């Protein structure tokens, strides 16, 4: 078995209001041997509680989509917890499709 370190990267997008962050999200670029282009993973998309429903979530996701296009990603993945129906509606409204299942294992380390 051989383990190689690979180079990875990404972007952090934030929206501030009056010097305080009210929303943020990450776009990670991931490469593998199956495609020449990377794919994008949206992670930790967050809008402050008092700003939800105001269009900021749409704005930040659309900015991530644009950046993924600029980086020539062949796909963009957004994940969400099953119970977060409001986010599911937003993702579908923007153009995402339900595609599969996500399986997760939390790994604790010291």
Protein backbone atom coordinates (compact mmCIF):
# COMPACT_ATOMS: atom_id res chain seq x y z
CA UNK A 1 0.00 0.00 0.00
CA UNK A 2 1.30 3.42 -0.94
CA UNK A 3 0.09 6.74 0.43
CA UNK A 4 0.92 9.95 -1.42
CA UNK A 5 0.29 13.46 -0.22
CA UNK A 6 -1.66 15.46 -2.79
CA UNK A 7 -1.96 19.20 -3.15
CA UNK A 8 -5.36 20.62 -2.42
CA UNK A 9 -6.82 24.04 -2.25
CA UNK A 10 -9.88 26.10 -2.11
CA UNK A 11 -11.49 29.40 -1.26
CA UNK A 12 -13.32 30.98 1.67
CA UNK A 13 -16.07 33.46 0.86
CA UNK A 14 -17.54 35.73 3.50
CA UNK A 15 -20.07 38.53 3.67
CA UNK A 16 -19.64 41.25 6.27
CA UNK A 17 -22.07 43.87 7.45
CA UNK A 18 -20.88 46.77 9.57
CA UNK A 19 -17.58 45.01 10.23
CA UNK A 20 -19.19 41.75 11.36
CA UNK A 21 -19.33 38.52 9.38
CA UNK A 22 -22.92 37.51 8.68
CA UNK A 23 -22.33 34.67 6.20
CA UNK A 24 -19.54 32.45 4.94
CA UNK A 25 -18.87 29.37 2.85
CA UNK A 26 -15.95 27.32 1.57
CA UNK A 27 -15.27 25.96 -1.89
CA UNK A 28 -12.75 23.12 -1.94
CA UNK A 29 -11.23 22.02 -5.22
CA UNK A 30 -10.65 18.28 -5.38
CA UNK A 31 -8.79 16.38 -8.06
CA UNK A 32 -8.69 12.71 -8.87
CA UNK A 33 -7.42 10.50 -11.66
CA UNK A 34 -10.85 10.10 -13.28
CA UNK A 35 -11.10 13.65 -14.65
CA UNK A 36 -8.67 16.24 -15.92
CA UNK A 37 -10.67 19.01 -14.23
CA UNK A 38 -11.28 19.31 -10.49
CA UNK A 39 -14.66 19.11 -8.84
CA UNK A 40 -15.91 21.53 -6.24
CA UNK A 41 -17.21 20.79 -2.77
CA UNK A 42 -19.24 23.45 -0.98
CA UNK A 43 -18.68 23.19 2.74
CA UNK A 44 -19.85 25.04 5.82
CA UNK A 45 -22.32 27.30 4.02
CA UNK A 46 -23.55 29.50 6.86
CA UNK A 47 -25.86 32.50 7.13
CA UNK A 48 -26.39 34.17 10.50
CA UNK A 49 -29.78 33.49 12.05
CA UNK A 50 -31.08 37.04 11.70
CA UNK A 51 -30.21 37.10 7.99
CA UNK A 52 -31.74 33.82 6.87
CA UNK A 53 -34.48 34.16 4.26
CA UNK A 54 -33.08 37.48 3.03
CA UNK A 55 -31.38 36.14 -0.12
CA UNK A 56 -27.87 36.09 1.32
CA UNK A 57 -27.70 32.27 1.11
CA UNK A 58 -28.58 32.42 -2.58
CA UNK A 59 -26.02 35.16 -3.14
CA UNK A 60 -23.19 33.26 -1.47
CA UNK A 61 -24.01 29.96 -3.24
CA UNK A 62 -24.23 31.69 -6.62
CA UNK A 63 -20.79 33.22 -5.97
CA UNK A 64 -19.41 29.74 -5.20
CA UNK A 65 -20.97 28.39 -8.42
CA UNK A 66 -19.33 31.19 -10.40
CA UNK A 67 -15.95 30.51 -8.79
CA UNK A 68 -16.30 26.77 -9.51
CA UNK A 69 -16.96 27.64 -13.15
CA UNK A 70 -13.91 29.92 -13.25
CA UNK A 71 -11.82 27.06 -11.81
CA UNK A 72 -13.25 24.79 -14.55
CA UNK A 73 -14.85 22.33 -12.13
CA UNK A 74 -16.80 19.58 -13.88
CA UNK A 75 -19.28 19.33 -10.99
CA UNK A 76 -20.14 21.03 -7.72
CA UNK A 77 -21.34 19.13 -4.67
CA UNK A 78 -23.36 20.64 -1.85
CA UNK A 79 -24.28 18.58 1.17
CA UNK A 80 -26.86 19.16 3.88
CA UNK A 81 -28.24 17.34 6.86
CA UNK A 82 -31.44 15.39 6.14
CA UNK A 83 -33.56 17.50 8.49
CA UNK A 84 -32.53 20.82 6.92
CA UNK A 85 -35.45 21.00 4.45
CA UNK A 86 -35.15 24.76 3.97
CA UNK A 87 -31.64 24.38 2.55
CA UNK A 88 -32.78 21.52 0.29
CA UNK A 89 -35.43 23.80 -1.22
CA UNK A 90 -32.81 26.52 -1.77
CA UNK A 91 -30.33 24.13 -3.43
CA UNK A 92 -33.04 22.82 -5.80
CA UNK A 93 -34.22 26.35 -6.59
CA UNK A 94 -30.66 27.29 -7.58
CA UNK A 95 -30.36 24.22 -9.84
CA UNK A 96 -28.84 21.42 -7.77
CA UNK A 97 -30.32 17.93 -8.07
CA UNK A 98 -30.55 15.23 -5.43
CA UNK A 99 -27.96 12.75 -6.59
CA UNK A 100 -27.06 10.14 -4.03
CA UNK A 101 -26.35 9.54 -0.40
CA UNK A 102 -23.60 10.81 1.79
CA UNK A 103 -22.10 8.50 4.37
CA UNK A 104 -20.10 9.97 7.19
CA UNK A 105 -17.77 8.76 9.89
CA UNK A 106 -16.66 11.20 12.56
CA UNK A 107 -13.03 10.52 13.40
CA UNK A 108 -11.74 11.71 16.74
CA UNK A 109 -8.07 12.37 17.10
CA UNK A 110 -5.76 13.79 19.72
